[in-house]
Amino acid sequence: MPTYIVLMKLTEEGIKTLKDGPARVKESAKLMEEMGSKMTGFYLTMGEYDFIAVSEVPNDEVAGAIVLGLNASKFVRTTTLKAFTMEEYEKMSRIYIDHVSKML
């Protein structure tokens, strides 16, 4: 299943209701499971982003729906990254070597 990394920044509303944050994360994880997804990691971070979530999601459409829901909550703003495994990276590299590099 594809992996997505969601970088999150708290909004003013998210900061005001910070005490409810852990419960919201747990509820989000349950809702994701209902959509065939699984949150494999959640981290409070120091730096530009406040939180990072790593999830396995069936497809881009479900990932998009999850991110739309997060942003609609008004507690966080997100940046989403689709991540690729080493195996997928190797396949992409082979395609580049076999085809794309010949165009250059």
Protein backbone atom coordinates (compact mmCIF):
# COMPACT_ATOMS: atom_id res chain seq x y z
CA MET A 1 0.00 0.00 0.00
CA PRO A 2 1.36 3.49 -0.79
CA THR A 3 2.89 5.49 2.04
CA TYR A 4 2.05 9.13 2.65
CA ILE A 5 3.74 11.54 5.03
CA VAL A 6 1.65 14.45 6.28
CA LEU A 7 3.46 17.44 7.74
CA MET A 8 1.18 19.49 9.98
CA LYS A 9 1.23 22.97 11.48
CA LEU A 10 -1.18 23.93 14.22
CA THR A 11 -3.63 26.72 13.47
CA GLU A 12 -4.72 29.25 16.10
CA GLU A 13 -7.77 27.02 16.76
CA GLY A 14 -5.48 24.00 17.13
CA ILE A 15 -3.36 25.85 19.66
CA LYS A 16 -6.45 26.94 21.64
CA THR A 17 -7.69 23.34 21.84
CA LEU A 18 -4.31 21.64 22.22
CA LYS A 19 -5.47 19.59 25.21
CA ASP A 20 -7.89 17.75 22.89
CA GLY A 21 -5.18 16.99 20.32
CA PRO A 22 -4.27 13.43 21.38
CA ALA A 23 -7.93 12.36 21.32
CA ARG A 24 -8.34 13.91 17.84
CA VAL A 25 -5.33 11.97 16.56
CA LYS A 26 -6.71 8.68 17.94
CA GLU A 27 -10.13 9.38 16.42
CA SER A 28 -8.51 10.23 13.07
CA ALA A 29 -6.61 6.93 13.14
CA LYS A 30 -9.90 5.05 13.70
CA LEU A 31 -11.59 6.87 10.81
CA MET A 32 -8.62 6.11 8.57
CA GLU A 33 -8.93 2.41 9.36
CA GLU A 34 -12.56 2.56 8.26
CA MET A 35 -11.25 3.81 4.88
CA GLY A 36 -8.79 0.93 4.58
CA SER A 37 -5.81 3.00 5.75
CA LYS A 38 -3.41 2.70 8.67
CA MET A 39 -1.50 5.40 10.52
CA THR A 40 1.87 3.74 11.11
CA GLY A 41 3.45 6.64 12.97
CA PHE A 42 2.61 9.96 14.56
CA TYR A 43 5.22 12.35 15.92
CA LEU A 44 5.29 15.67 17.71
CA THR A 45 8.20 17.54 16.13
CA MET A 46 10.37 20.54 16.81
CA GLY A 47 11.02 22.86 13.92
CA GLU A 48 8.93 24.17 11.05
CA TYR A 49 6.18 21.56 11.53
CA ASP A 50 4.38 20.65 14.75
CA PHE A 51 3.43 17.07 13.85
CA ILE A 52 4.24 14.40 11.29
CA ALA A 53 1.97 11.46 10.47
CA VAL A 54 3.07 8.48 8.41
CA SER A 55 0.28 6.39 6.92
CA GLU A 56 -0.38 3.55 4.53
CA VAL A 57 -3.31 4.50 2.31
CA PRO A 58 -4.89 2.50 -0.54
CA ASN A 59 -4.67 5.25 -3.18
CA ASP A 60 -4.34 8.95 -3.93
CA GLU A 61 -8.09 9.51 -3.77
CA VAL A 62 -8.36 8.23 -0.19
CA ALA A 63 -5.21 10.15 0.77
CA GLY A 64 -6.74 13.29 -0.69
CA ALA A 65 -9.97 12.77 1.24
CA ILE A 66 -8.04 12.33 4.49
CA VAL A 67 -6.03 15.50 3.90
CA LEU A 68 -9.15 17.45 2.96
CA GLY A 69 -10.70 16.34 6.24
CA LEU A 70 -7.65 17.38 8.24
CA ASN A 71 -7.65 20.83 6.69
CA ALA A 72 -11.43 21.18 7.08
CA SER A 73 -11.02 20.52 10.81
CA LYS A 74 -9.41 23.96 11.17
CA PHE A 75 -6.95 22.57 13.76
CA VAL A 76 -4.03 22.01 11.38
CA ARG A 77 -2.74 22.95 7.95
CA THR A 78 -0.98 20.24 6.02
CA THR A 79 1.70 19.50 3.47
CA THR A 80 1.45 15.98 2.05
CA LEU A 81 4.23 13.87 0.59
CA LYS A 82 3.83 10.59 -1.21
CA ALA A 83 6.74 8.37 -0.20
CA PHE A 84 8.34 5.58 -2.20
CA THR A 85 10.10 2.49 -0.89
CA MET A 86 13.66 1.58 -1.86
CA GLU A 87 12.23 -1.08 -4.18
CA GLU A 88 10.07 1.51 -5.93
CA TYR A 89 13.03 3.88 -6.15
CA GLU A 90 15.11 1.15 -7.79
CA LYS A 91 12.35 0.53 -10.36
CA MET A 92 12.19 4.25 -11.14
CA SER A 93 15.95 4.36 -11.50
CA ARG A 94 15.85 1.46 -13.97
CA ILE A 95 13.19 3.24 -16.03
CA TYR A 96 15.33 6.37 -16.02
CA ILE A 97 18.45 4.47 -17.06
CA ASP A 98 16.67 2.40 -19.72
CA HIS A 99 14.55 5.15 -21.25
CA VAL A 100 14.73 8.71 -19.97
CA SER A 101 18.51 9.04 -19.85
CA LYS A 102 18.65 8.22 -23.58
CA MET A 103 16.58 11.33 -24.30
CA LEU A 104 19.18 13.61 -22.74
